[in-house]
N, C-alpha and C. Protein backbone atom coordinates (compact mmCIF):
# COMPACT_ATOMS: atom_id res chain seq x y z
N UNK A 1 102.38 135.25 184.52
CA UNK A 1 104.17 135.63 184.77
C UNK A 1 103.60 136.58 185.94
N UNK A 2 104.74 136.08 186.03
CA UNK A 2 105.01 136.33 187.95
C UNK A 2 105.18 138.16 187.80
N UNK A 3 104.93 139.08 188.93
CA UNK A 3 105.27 140.94 188.76
C UNK A 3 106.22 141.24 188.42
N UNK A 4 106.94 140.25 189.11
CA UNK A 4 109.12 140.43 188.97
C UNK A 4 109.40 140.06 187.76
N UNK A 5 108.86 139.55 186.91
CA UNK A 5 109.46 138.74 185.83
C UNK A 5 109.10 140.19 185.29
N UNK A 6 110.48 140.79 184.06
CA UNK A 6 110.26 142.12 183.34
C UNK A 6 110.48 141.86 181.41
N UNK A 7 109.36 142.29 181.02
CA UNK A 7 110.04 142.15 179.43
C UNK A 7 111.00 142.59 178.74
N UNK A 8 111.84 142.55 177.81
CA UNK A 8 113.10 143.44 177.35
C UNK A 8 112.52 143.55 176.33
N UNK A 9 112.75 144.53 175.87
CA UNK A 9 112.24 145.49 174.34
C UNK A 9 114.05 145.68 173.76
N UNK A 10 113.86 144.63 172.50
CA UNK A 10 114.93 145.29 171.74
C UNK A 10 114.81 145.97 170.25
N UNK A 11 115.58 146.55 169.54
CA UNK A 11 115.49 147.79 168.99
C UNK A 11 116.41 147.03 167.62
N UNK A 12 116.14 146.17 166.58
CA UNK A 12 116.83 145.92 165.45
C UNK A 12 116.82 147.33 164.14
N UNK A 13 117.83 147.29 163.77
CA UNK A 13 117.63 148.12 162.55
C UNK A 13 117.01 147.86 161.01
N UNK A 14 116.79 148.49 160.33
CA UNK A 14 116.17 147.85 159.20
C UNK A 14 116.64 146.51 158.38
N UNK A 15 118.20 146.46 158.71
CA UNK A 15 118.72 145.40 158.11
C UNK A 15 117.77 144.17 159.01
N UNK A 16 117.11 143.90 159.95
CA UNK A 16 116.96 143.27 161.48
C UNK A 16 118.35 142.24 161.82
N UNK A 17 119.94 142.26 161.41
CA UNK A 17 120.65 141.84 161.94
C UNK A 17 121.45 142.89 163.23
N UNK A 18 121.32 144.60 162.62
CA UNK A 18 122.32 145.00 163.21
C UNK A 18 121.61 145.38 165.11
N UNK A 19 121.57 145.43 165.98
CA UNK A 19 121.02 145.31 167.49
C UNK A 19 121.09 146.95 167.70
N UNK A 20 120.22 147.30 167.75
CA UNK A 20 120.64 149.16 168.00
C UNK A 20 120.54 149.63 169.33
N UNK A 21 120.21 148.43 170.72
CA UNK A 21 120.26 148.60 171.83
C UNK A 21 118.71 148.09 172.36
N UNK A 22 118.87 148.34 173.58
CA UNK A 22 117.82 147.89 174.67
C UNK A 22 116.56 149.10 174.41
N UNK A 23 115.15 148.78 174.36
CA UNK A 23 114.23 150.33 174.44
C UNK A 23 114.11 150.75 175.86
N UNK A 24 114.31 151.34 176.60
CA UNK A 24 114.17 151.84 177.97
C UNK A 24 112.36 152.27 178.09
N UNK A 25 111.70 151.16 177.66
CA UNK A 25 110.05 151.55 177.57
C UNK A 25 109.34 151.32 179.17
N UNK A 26 108.73 152.93 179.45
CA UNK A 26 107.98 152.72 180.63
C UNK A 26 106.38 152.07 180.05
N UNK A 27 105.90 151.94 179.08
CA UNK A 27 104.92 151.19 178.56
C UNK A 27 105.31 150.51 177.51
N UNK A 28 104.49 149.31 177.46
CA UNK A 28 104.66 148.20 176.31
C UNK A 28 103.05 147.60 176.06
N UNK A 29 102.89 147.33 175.26
CA UNK A 29 102.03 146.28 174.57
C UNK A 29 102.16 145.45 173.66
N UNK A 30 101.97 144.06 173.74
CA UNK A 30 102.07 143.23 172.52
C UNK A 30 100.55 142.70 172.31
N UNK A 31 100.04 142.54 171.26
CA UNK A 31 98.74 141.74 170.91
C UNK A 31 99.26 140.60 169.96
N UNK A 32 98.97 139.27 169.91
CA UNK A 32 99.24 138.45 169.62
C UNK A 32 98.30 137.27 169.30
N UNK A 33 97.96 137.17 167.88
CA UNK A 33 96.79 136.35 167.60
C UNK A 33 97.23 135.31 166.50
N UNK A 34 96.29 134.16 166.42
CA UNK A 34 96.85 133.14 165.77
C UNK A 34 96.38 133.18 164.28
N UNK A 35 97.05 133.12 163.50
CA UNK A 35 97.12 133.40 162.02
C UNK A 35 96.53 135.19 161.52
N UNK A 36 97.08 135.88 162.11
CA UNK A 36 97.09 137.05 162.25
C UNK A 36 98.44 137.81 162.71
N UNK A 37 98.59 139.02 162.12
CA UNK A 37 99.79 139.86 162.47
C UNK A 37 100.20 140.13 163.94
N UNK A 38 99.27 140.71 164.53
CA UNK A 38 98.80 141.52 165.58
C UNK A 38 99.87 142.83 165.38
N UNK A 39 99.75 142.96 167.05
CA UNK A 39 100.17 144.36 166.81
C UNK A 39 101.51 145.08 168.13
N UNK A 40 101.79 145.85 168.25
CA UNK A 40 102.40 146.43 169.15
C UNK A 40 103.07 147.93 169.53
N UNK A 41 103.17 148.24 170.42
CA UNK A 41 103.22 149.70 170.82
C UNK A 41 103.90 149.37 172.28
N UNK A 42 104.70 150.96 172.25
CA UNK A 42 106.33 150.94 173.20
C UNK A 42 105.41 152.81 173.42
N UNK A 43 106.43 153.16 174.54
CA UNK A 43 106.55 154.53 175.15
C UNK A 43 107.11 154.96 175.53
N UNK A 44 108.48 155.76 175.38
CA UNK A 44 109.87 155.73 175.86
C UNK A 44 110.24 157.11 176.03
N UNK A 45 110.95 157.60 176.96
CA UNK A 45 111.05 159.14 177.08
C UNK A 45 112.28 159.04 175.44
N UNK A 46 111.70 160.82 175.49
CA UNK A 46 112.03 160.92 174.10
C UNK A 46 113.69 161.31 174.43
N UNK A 47 113.90 162.09 175.32
CA UNK A 47 114.86 162.61 175.28
C UNK A 47 116.37 161.21 175.80
N UNK A 48 116.19 160.40 174.99
CA UNK A 48 116.63 159.08 175.22
C UNK A 48 117.87 158.90 173.58
N UNK A 49 118.49 158.39 174.22
CA UNK A 49 119.56 158.06 172.72
C UNK A 49 118.81 156.62 171.64
N UNK A 50 117.69 155.65 172.52
CA UNK A 50 117.50 155.10 171.60
C UNK A 50 116.08 156.06 170.72
N UNK A 51 115.52 156.72 171.72
CA UNK A 51 114.60 157.35 170.48
C UNK A 51 115.23 158.27 169.66
N UNK A 52 117.02 158.70 169.68
CA UNK A 52 117.17 159.22 168.76
C UNK A 52 117.39 158.67 167.20
N UNK A 53 116.98 156.82 168.01
CA UNK A 53 117.74 156.44 166.38
C UNK A 53 116.71 156.24 165.73
N UNK A 54 115.09 155.86 166.71
CA UNK A 54 113.73 155.53 166.14
C UNK A 54 113.63 155.76 164.42
N UNK A 55 113.13 154.90 163.78
CA UNK A 55 112.95 155.50 162.15
C UNK A 55 111.86 154.28 161.70
N UNK A 56 111.17 154.64 160.96
CA UNK A 56 110.04 153.83 160.44
C UNK A 56 111.08 152.55 159.76
N UNK A 57 110.61 151.49 160.08
CA UNK A 57 110.69 150.28 158.95
C UNK A 57 111.69 148.96 160.24
N UNK A 58 112.26 149.65 161.52
CA UNK A 58 112.87 149.36 162.34
C UNK A 58 112.02 148.09 163.07
N UNK A 59 112.81 147.08 163.76
CA UNK A 59 111.64 145.77 164.17
C UNK A 59 111.81 146.07 165.74
N UNK A 60 110.86 146.25 166.33
CA UNK A 60 111.14 146.04 168.10
C UNK A 60 111.05 144.62 168.17
N UNK A 61 111.63 143.90 168.99
CA UNK A 61 111.52 142.54 169.53
C UNK A 61 111.11 142.54 171.11
N UNK A 62 110.39 141.76 171.17
CA UNK A 62 109.73 141.17 172.59
C UNK A 62 110.49 139.99 173.53
N UNK A 63 112.17 139.92 174.27
CA UNK A 63 112.05 139.15 174.54
C UNK A 63 111.69 139.28 176.48
N UNK A 64 111.25 137.47 176.70
CA UNK A 64 110.67 137.46 178.03
C UNK A 64 111.75 136.29 178.30
N UNK A 65 112.16 136.26 179.60
CA UNK A 65 113.06 135.15 180.17
C UNK A 65 113.76 134.63 179.04
N UNK A 66 114.40 135.36 178.25
CA UNK A 66 115.85 135.40 177.83
C UNK A 66 115.25 134.67 176.16
N UNK A 67 114.30 134.68 175.94
CA UNK A 67 113.69 133.95 174.78
C UNK A 67 112.51 135.30 173.90
N UNK A 68 112.69 134.98 172.87
CA UNK A 68 112.18 135.85 171.95
C UNK A 68 110.60 135.57 171.55
N UNK A 69 109.42 136.99 172.26
CA UNK A 69 108.33 136.09 171.80
C UNK A 69 107.66 137.02 170.84
N UNK A 70 108.41 137.18 169.89
CA UNK A 70 107.36 138.15 169.22
C UNK A 70 108.17 139.75 168.82
N UNK A 71 107.14 140.31 168.50
CA UNK A 71 107.38 141.73 167.82
C UNK A 71 106.81 142.89 167.24
N UNK A 72 107.23 144.15 166.43
CA UNK A 72 106.18 144.42 165.43
C UNK A 72 107.46 145.55 164.82
N UNK A 73 106.56 145.35 163.44
CA UNK A 73 107.69 146.72 162.88
C UNK A 73 107.31 148.19 163.08
N UNK A 74 108.26 149.20 163.15
CA UNK A 74 107.88 150.46 163.48
C UNK A 74 107.22 150.83 162.18
N UNK A 75 105.87 151.70 162.52
CA UNK A 75 105.17 152.08 161.44
C UNK A 75 105.09 153.39 162.01
N UNK A 76 104.49 153.74 163.08
CA UNK A 76 103.83 155.04 163.58
C UNK A 76 104.89 155.27 164.38
N UNK A 77 104.99 156.68 164.56
CA UNK A 77 105.79 158.02 165.83
C UNK A 77 105.18 158.70 166.17
N UNK A 78 105.38 158.57 167.28
CA UNK A 78 104.23 160.05 167.45
C UNK A 78 105.08 161.20 168.67
N UNK A 79 105.05 161.71 169.14
CA UNK A 79 106.10 162.57 169.86
C UNK A 79 104.75 163.48 170.92
N UNK A 80 105.03 163.52 171.90
CA UNK A 80 104.10 164.09 172.79
C UNK A 80 105.07 164.99 173.99
N UNK A 81 104.59 165.95 174.88
CA UNK A 81 104.71 166.75 175.58
C UNK A 81 103.33 166.41 176.77
N UNK A 82 104.07 165.90 177.82
CA UNK A 82 102.89 165.81 178.69
C UNK A 82 102.52 167.05 179.65
N UNK A 83 103.87 167.86 179.99
CA UNK A 83 103.65 168.87 180.64
C UNK A 83 104.93 169.28 180.96
N UNK A 84 105.04 170.80 181.75
CA UNK A 84 106.09 171.76 181.39
C UNK A 84 106.76 171.34 182.30
N UNK A 85 107.46 170.01 183.49
CA UNK A 85 108.18 169.77 184.28
C UNK A 85 109.32 169.80 184.13
N UNK A 86 110.34 169.70 185.11
CA UNK A 86 111.65 169.20 184.87
C UNK A 86 112.24 168.49 184.15
N UNK A 87 111.49 167.69 183.92
CA UNK A 87 112.16 166.44 182.23
C UNK A 87 111.08 166.66 181.32
N UNK A 88 110.21 167.74 181.26
CA UNK A 88 109.17 168.26 180.26
C UNK A 88 108.40 166.67 180.04
N UNK A 89 108.04 165.81 180.42
CA UNK A 89 107.45 165.10 180.34
C UNK A 89 107.70 165.21 178.58
N UNK A 90 108.56 164.83 177.98
CA UNK A 90 108.87 164.28 176.65
C UNK A 90 108.83 162.72 176.37
N UNK A 91 108.00 162.48 175.36
CA UNK A 91 107.42 161.19 175.24
C UNK A 91 107.42 161.15 173.81
N UNK A 92 107.61 159.54 173.53
CA UNK A 92 107.77 158.73 172.14
C UNK A 92 107.08 157.81 172.38
N UNK A 93 106.14 157.58 171.41
CA UNK A 93 104.98 156.63 171.45
C UNK A 93 105.52 155.62 169.57
N UNK A 94 106.10 154.73 169.62
CA UNK A 94 106.02 154.21 168.57
C UNK A 94 105.27 152.66 168.64
N UNK A 95 104.52 152.61 167.38
CA UNK A 95 103.71 151.75 167.16
C UNK A 95 103.89 150.41 166.14
N UNK A 96 102.94 149.34 165.62
CA UNK A 96 103.41 148.70 164.16
C UNK A 96 102.86 147.64 164.07
N UNK A 97 102.84 146.65 163.14
CA UNK A 97 101.79 145.09 162.83
C UNK A 97 103.06 144.48 163.33
N UNK A 98 102.85 143.30 163.51
CA UNK A 98 103.68 142.07 163.92
C UNK A 98 104.34 142.13 162.51
N UNK A 99 105.61 140.58 162.99
CA UNK A 99 105.56 140.40 161.00
C UNK A 99 105.06 139.61 160.06
N UNK A 100 104.05 139.18 160.88
CA UNK A 100 102.85 138.44 159.27
C UNK A 100 102.70 139.84 158.32
N UNK A 101 102.84 140.55 159.04
CA UNK A 101 102.54 141.95 158.20
C UNK A 101 103.18 141.85 156.78
N UNK A 102 104.09 141.29 156.50
CA UNK A 102 105.23 141.02 155.48
C UNK A 102 104.31 140.46 154.13
N UNK A 103 103.21 139.98 154.56
CA UNK A 103 102.57 138.48 153.28
C UNK A 103 101.39 140.12 152.91
N UNK A 104 101.30 141.09 153.73
CA UNK A 104 100.35 142.01 153.19
C UNK A 104 101.03 142.66 151.96
N UNK A 105 102.24 142.53 151.74
CA UNK A 105 102.75 143.90 150.83
C UNK A 105 103.53 142.69 149.98
N UNK A 106 102.76 141.03 149.24
CA UNK A 106 102.61 140.77 148.55
C UNK A 106 101.39 140.57 147.97
N UNK A 107 101.14 140.23 146.41
CA UNK A 107 99.97 140.36 145.79
C UNK A 107 100.12 138.90 145.13
N UNK A 108 99.10 138.58 145.28
CA UNK A 108 98.85 137.37 143.50
C UNK A 108 98.83 137.95 142.39
N UNK A 109 100.23 137.64 141.88
CA UNK A 109 100.10 138.13 140.18
C UNK A 109 99.46 137.45 139.25
N UNK A 110 99.31 138.41 138.14
CA UNK A 110 98.66 137.78 136.87
C UNK A 110 99.70 136.39 136.25
N UNK A 111 99.34 135.85 135.79
CA UNK A 111 100.18 134.01 135.16
C UNK A 111 100.29 134.82 134.17
N UNK A 112 100.66 136.21 133.53
CA UNK A 112 100.66 136.55 132.36
C UNK A 112 99.66 136.77 130.70
N UNK A 113 98.65 136.38 131.29
CA UNK A 113 97.79 136.79 130.03
C UNK A 113 96.82 137.60 131.05
N UNK A 114 95.62 137.43 130.53
CA UNK A 114 94.59 139.21 130.53
C UNK A 114 93.35 138.74 131.69
N UNK A 115 93.38 137.17 131.94
CA UNK A 115 92.88 136.83 133.12
C UNK A 115 92.71 137.30 134.66
N UNK A 116 91.93 137.93 135.22
CA UNK A 116 91.75 138.24 136.59
C UNK A 116 92.15 137.81 137.25
N UNK A 117 91.99 136.52 137.45
CA UNK A 117 92.33 135.54 138.55
C UNK A 117 93.31 134.39 138.56
N UNK A 118 93.97 133.92 139.67
CA UNK A 118 95.17 132.54 138.95
C UNK A 118 93.96 131.12 140.01
N UNK A 119 94.03 130.39 139.11
CA UNK A 119 93.58 129.18 139.18
C UNK A 119 94.44 127.99 139.75
N UNK A 120 94.06 127.16 140.61
CA UNK A 120 95.35 126.14 141.06
C UNK A 120 94.46 125.06 141.17
N UNK A 121 94.77 123.97 140.98
CA UNK A 121 93.89 122.34 140.46
C UNK A 121 94.50 121.55 141.52
N UNK A 122 93.68 121.05 142.51
CA UNK A 122 94.35 119.27 143.06
C UNK A 122 95.71 119.92 143.27
N UNK A 123 96.07 120.14 144.16
CA UNK A 123 97.18 120.94 144.80
C UNK A 123 97.33 121.32 146.16
N UNK A 124 98.25 121.09 146.96
CA UNK A 124 98.02 121.18 148.51
C UNK A 124 97.64 122.46 148.59
N UNK A 125 97.18 123.46 149.56
CA UNK A 125 97.26 124.71 149.94
C UNK A 125 98.67 125.50 150.07
N UNK A 126 99.49 123.88 150.69
CA UNK A 126 100.95 124.67 151.20
C UNK A 126 101.67 124.32 149.55
N UNK A 127 101.59 123.98 148.49
CA UNK A 127 101.79 124.19 147.08
C UNK A 127 101.91 125.64 146.79
N UNK A 128 100.11 125.84 146.84
CA UNK A 128 100.09 127.03 146.34
C UNK A 128 100.81 128.30 146.68
N UNK A 129 100.60 128.38 148.47
CA UNK A 129 101.54 129.54 148.74
C UNK A 129 102.72 129.61 148.73
N UNK A 130 103.69 128.32 148.55
CA UNK A 130 104.64 128.30 147.91
C UNK A 130 104.66 128.47 146.69
N UNK A 131 103.95 128.92 145.72
CA UNK A 131 104.39 128.94 144.06
C UNK A 131 104.08 130.62 144.46
N UNK A 132 103.48 131.09 145.45
CA UNK A 132 102.66 132.50 145.38
C UNK A 132 103.95 133.53 145.76
N UNK A 133 104.67 132.43 147.12
CA UNK A 133 106.15 133.31 147.57
C UNK A 133 107.11 133.03 146.72
N UNK A 134 107.47 132.14 145.70
CA UNK A 134 108.41 132.10 145.26
C UNK A 134 108.19 133.38 143.95
N UNK A 135 107.17 133.38 143.55
CA UNK A 135 106.77 134.35 142.16
C UNK A 135 107.18 135.80 143.11
N UNK A 136 106.33 135.76 144.26
CA UNK A 136 106.89 137.25 144.37
C UNK A 136 107.92 137.59 144.83
N UNK A 137 108.86 136.00 144.90
CA UNK A 137 110.55 136.88 145.52
C UNK A 137 111.39 137.31 144.24
N UNK A 138 110.37 136.45 143.52
CA UNK A 138 111.61 136.56 141.64
C UNK A 138 110.81 138.38 141.30
N UNK A 139 109.92 138.72 141.91
CA UNK A 139 109.78 139.98 141.53
C UNK A 139 110.82 140.91 142.50
N UNK A 140 111.25 140.73 143.20
CA UNK A 140 112.03 141.49 144.41
C UNK A 140 111.29 141.69 145.36
N UNK A 141 110.18 140.92 145.31
CA UNK A 141 109.06 140.98 147.00
C UNK A 141 110.21 140.37 148.30
N UNK A 142 110.09 140.35 149.44
CA UNK A 142 110.00 139.59 150.53
C UNK A 142 111.39 138.90 150.59
N UNK A 143 112.48 139.62 150.60
CA UNK A 143 113.95 139.54 150.19
C UNK A 143 114.42 138.60 151.58
N UNK A 144 113.56 139.22 152.58
CA UNK A 144 113.91 138.60 153.98
C UNK A 144 113.34 137.65 154.26
N UNK A 145 112.30 136.94 153.39
CA UNK A 145 111.26 135.96 154.22
C UNK A 145 111.83 134.50 153.56
N UNK A 146 111.96 133.38 154.57
CA UNK A 146 111.96 132.13 154.56
C UNK A 146 110.85 131.33 154.67
N UNK A 147 110.84 130.01 154.63
CA UNK A 147 109.64 129.20 154.99
C UNK A 147 110.37 127.55 155.45
N UNK A 148 109.66 127.30 156.41
CA UNK A 148 110.35 125.80 156.58
C UNK A 148 108.98 124.56 156.37
N UNK A 149 108.69 125.09 155.62
CA UNK A 149 107.54 123.45 155.00
C UNK A 149 107.64 123.43 153.56
N UNK A 150 107.58 122.18 152.81
CA UNK A 150 107.03 122.01 151.65
C UNK A 150 105.82 121.84 150.84
N UNK A 151 105.56 121.31 149.98
CA UNK A 151 104.45 121.43 149.07
C UNK A 151 103.45 119.92 149.97
N UNK A 152 104.73 119.25 150.53
CA UNK A 152 103.90 117.83 150.84
C UNK A 152 103.92 117.55 152.33
N UNK A 153 104.77 118.66 153.30
CA UNK A 153 104.97 118.03 154.40
C UNK A 153 104.96 119.78 155.07
N UNK A 154 104.53 119.29 156.39
CA UNK A 154 103.63 120.68 157.42
C UNK A 154 105.30 120.70 158.22
N UNK A 155 105.53 122.07 158.80
CA UNK A 155 106.53 122.56 159.79
C UNK A 155 106.57 121.49 160.58
N UNK A 156 106.21 121.08 161.36
CA UNK A 156 106.35 120.29 162.85
C UNK A 156 107.43 119.65 162.96
N UNK A 157 108.58 119.61 163.93
CA UNK A 157 109.30 118.65 164.62
C UNK A 157 109.66 117.48 163.80
N UNK A 158 108.79 116.68 163.90
CA UNK A 158 108.08 115.35 163.16
C UNK A 158 106.51 115.89 162.34
N UNK A 159 107.67 116.36 160.97
CA UNK A 159 106.40 116.16 159.82
C UNK A 159 105.66 116.13 159.34
N UNK A 160 104.06 116.60 159.39
CA UNK A 160 103.23 115.60 158.69
C UNK A 160 102.54 116.00 157.66
N UNK A 161 102.18 115.14 156.90
CA UNK A 161 102.02 115.69 155.67
C UNK A 161 101.20 115.56 155.02
N UNK A 162 100.43 117.07 154.00
CA UNK A 162 99.32 117.37 153.96
C UNK A 162 98.64 116.67 153.04
N UNK A 163 97.49 116.45 153.72
CA UNK A 163 96.42 115.03 153.03
C UNK A 163 95.48 115.85 151.77
N UNK A 164 95.47 117.75 151.96
CA UNK A 164 94.78 118.10 150.67
C UNK A 164 94.67 118.40 149.18
N UNK A 165 94.21 118.35 148.95
CA UNK A 165 93.47 118.29 147.65
C UNK A 165 92.61 119.21 147.01
N UNK A 166 93.24 120.64 146.72
CA UNK A 166 92.53 122.04 146.31
C UNK A 166 92.45 122.54 145.57
N UNK A 167 91.25 123.13 145.06
CA UNK A 167 90.84 123.78 143.81
C UNK A 167 90.97 125.22 144.03
N UNK A 168 91.41 126.04 143.62
CA UNK A 168 91.48 127.41 144.34
C UNK A 168 91.22 128.38 143.07
N UNK A 169 90.06 129.25 143.01
CA UNK A 169 90.86 130.73 142.15
C UNK A 169 90.98 131.94 143.20
N UNK A 170 92.28 132.33 142.63
CA UNK A 170 92.64 133.40 143.55
C UNK A 170 92.53 134.76 142.51
N UNK A 171 91.47 136.02 143.03
CA UNK A 171 92.00 137.12 142.50
C UNK A 171 92.85 137.92 142.45
N UNK A 172 93.92 137.95 141.32
CA UNK A 172 94.48 138.84 141.06
C UNK A 172 94.50 140.11 141.95
N UNK A 173 95.87 140.31 142.70
CA UNK A 173 95.76 141.48 143.50
C UNK A 173 95.38 141.37 145.19
N UNK A 174 95.11 139.95 145.67
CA UNK A 174 94.76 139.19 146.81
C UNK A 174 96.36 139.51 147.59
N UNK A 175 95.76 139.98 148.52
CA UNK A 175 97.57 139.70 149.38
C UNK A 175 97.70 138.51 149.54
N UNK A 176 98.93 137.95 150.16
CA UNK A 176 99.33 136.75 150.03
C UNK A 176 98.52 136.41 151.84
N UNK A 177 98.80 137.66 152.42
CA UNK A 177 97.97 137.53 153.83
C UNK A 177 96.62 137.21 154.28
N UNK A 178 95.78 137.60 152.79
CA UNK A 178 94.84 137.12 152.56
C UNK A 178 94.29 135.82 152.03
N UNK A 179 95.32 135.61 151.71
CA UNK A 179 95.46 133.87 150.93
C UNK A 179 95.56 132.93 152.71
N UNK A 180 96.99 133.22 152.81
CA UNK A 180 97.04 132.65 153.99
C UNK A 180 95.77 132.19 155.24
N UNK A 181 95.25 133.51 155.21
CA UNK A 181 93.89 133.89 156.00
C UNK A 181 92.68 132.75 155.27
N UNK A 182 92.69 132.83 154.27
CA UNK A 182 91.65 132.28 153.61
C UNK A 182 91.69 130.37 153.56
N UNK A 183 92.82 130.35 153.79
CA UNK A 183 93.64 128.46 153.88
C UNK A 183 93.49 128.23 155.07
N UNK A 184 93.78 129.21 156.29
CA UNK A 184 93.26 128.64 157.68
C UNK A 184 91.71 128.78 158.23
N UNK A 185 91.25 129.35 157.39
CA UNK A 185 89.50 129.55 157.74
C UNK A 185 88.81 128.07 157.20
N UNK A 186 90.04 127.63 156.17
CA UNK A 186 88.57 126.63 155.69
C UNK A 186 89.32 124.91 156.41
N UNK A 187 90.43 125.23 156.87
CA UNK A 187 91.03 124.15 157.86
C UNK A 187 92.28 123.09 157.80
N UNK A 188 92.84 123.47 158.83
CA UNK A 188 94.06 122.31 158.32
C UNK A 188 95.14 123.28 157.89
N UNK A 189 95.35 124.51 158.27
CA UNK A 189 96.53 124.90 158.16
C UNK A 189 96.04 125.92 158.83
N UNK A 190 97.34 125.84 160.03
CA UNK A 190 97.95 127.05 160.83
C UNK A 190 98.81 127.67 160.80
N UNK A 191 99.36 128.63 160.07
CA UNK A 191 100.38 129.04 160.21
C UNK A 191 101.21 130.53 160.90
N UNK A 192 102.78 130.49 161.36
CA UNK A 192 103.63 131.21 161.99
C UNK A 192 104.43 132.24 161.71
N UNK A 193 104.95 133.52 161.99
CA UNK A 193 106.36 133.32 161.57
C UNK A 193 107.42 134.07 162.66
N UNK A 194 108.43 133.68 162.89
CA UNK A 194 109.67 133.92 164.03
C UNK A 194 110.56 134.66 163.18
N UNK A 195 111.40 135.70 163.92
CA UNK A 195 112.89 136.18 163.52
C UNK A 195 114.00 135.05 163.82
N UNK A 196 114.65 135.04 162.73
CA UNK A 196 115.92 133.99 162.79
C UNK A 196 116.50 134.79 162.09
N UNK A 197 117.98 134.95 162.70
CA UNK A 197 119.03 135.91 162.01
C UNK A 197 118.50 137.59 161.46
N UNK A 198 118.70 137.17 160.45
CA UNK A 198 118.63 138.49 159.27
C UNK A 198 116.94 137.94 158.50
N UNK A 199 116.37 136.92 158.76
CA UNK A 199 115.60 136.33 158.17
C UNK A 199 114.40 136.18 158.71
N UNK A 200 112.96 136.26 158.49
CA UNK A 200 111.65 135.77 159.16
C UNK A 200 111.60 134.36 158.48
N UNK A 201 111.10 133.30 159.69
CA UNK A 201 110.68 132.02 158.76
C UNK A 201 109.50 131.42 159.24
N UNK A 202 108.71 131.36 158.03
CA UNK A 202 107.29 131.15 157.76
C UNK A 202 106.63 129.63 158.06
N UNK A 203 106.07 129.71 158.90
CA UNK A 203 106.16 128.32 159.72
C UNK A 203 104.27 127.75 159.38
N UNK A 204 104.23 126.34 158.76
CA UNK A 204 102.61 125.81 158.56
C UNK A 204 102.39 124.91 159.05
N UNK A 205 101.18 124.21 160.20
CA UNK A 205 101.11 122.92 160.36
C UNK A 205 99.91 122.61 160.08
N UNK A 206 99.47 121.40 159.62
CA UNK A 206 99.06 120.62 159.71
C UNK A 206 97.67 120.05 160.42
N UNK A 207 98.31 120.30 161.62
CA UNK A 207 98.28 120.07 162.55
C UNK A 207 97.30 120.68 163.91
N UNK A 208 97.56 121.64 163.31
CA UNK A 208 97.16 123.51 164.05
C UNK A 208 98.56 123.98 165.07
N UNK A 209 98.36 124.91 165.28
CA UNK A 209 99.46 124.97 166.45
C UNK A 209 99.48 125.53 167.37
N UNK A 210 98.13 125.44 168.26
CA UNK A 210 97.29 125.30 169.35
C UNK A 210 95.78 126.02 169.01
N UNK A 211 96.24 126.67 170.61
CA UNK A 211 94.63 127.30 170.67
C UNK A 211 94.75 129.03 170.80
N UNK A 212 94.33 129.46 169.83
CA UNK A 212 93.83 131.02 169.81
C UNK A 212 93.42 131.57 171.46
N UNK A 213 94.81 132.21 171.96
CA UNK A 213 95.01 132.95 173.26
C UNK A 213 95.29 134.48 173.30
N UNK A 214 94.04 135.23 172.24
CA UNK A 214 94.50 136.65 171.77
C UNK A 214 94.07 137.38 173.02
């Protein structure tokens, strides 16, 4: 990245569609890791209009050269006073996890019996994940999440067929993020998430999504 290139941070309301403004960030950090939520942090002057709007659950989105490169949910808000000078040294620091953290808010649900696990036999990993996501949405979770892969093909521009046939027993209460992590660790399954309009779109790739350069 050239030293003259600047990142731009846009603050979105909790509905993800309302753009509240550009964050006048003095410092910023965005940590990205393949198959993980990642995290971010911004430091901005406390006495600004944007700082007065920030509440938990908003989304800070990072733009570089006009395109979105991820972001984080506002989960932690901290105000500090660095000195007693003319401008008071009054700062706000906001930080939080990346959008894949959405999957941490949904869990493997029981099958209506007293069983403490869910068992899936002779299906693809994608099929398992879609089943669990669909069940979570039926319970009212993950309302702003969609996915662009199916039980048979992945998210690639030229879709690749899933060739796995899995047998998984998943403990009830396991987060869907941990399920996806487990699938990634066993191979043939990388995933990512991107904001599109008012929804996050989950993608999964059979041939991998690239090298981890976290």
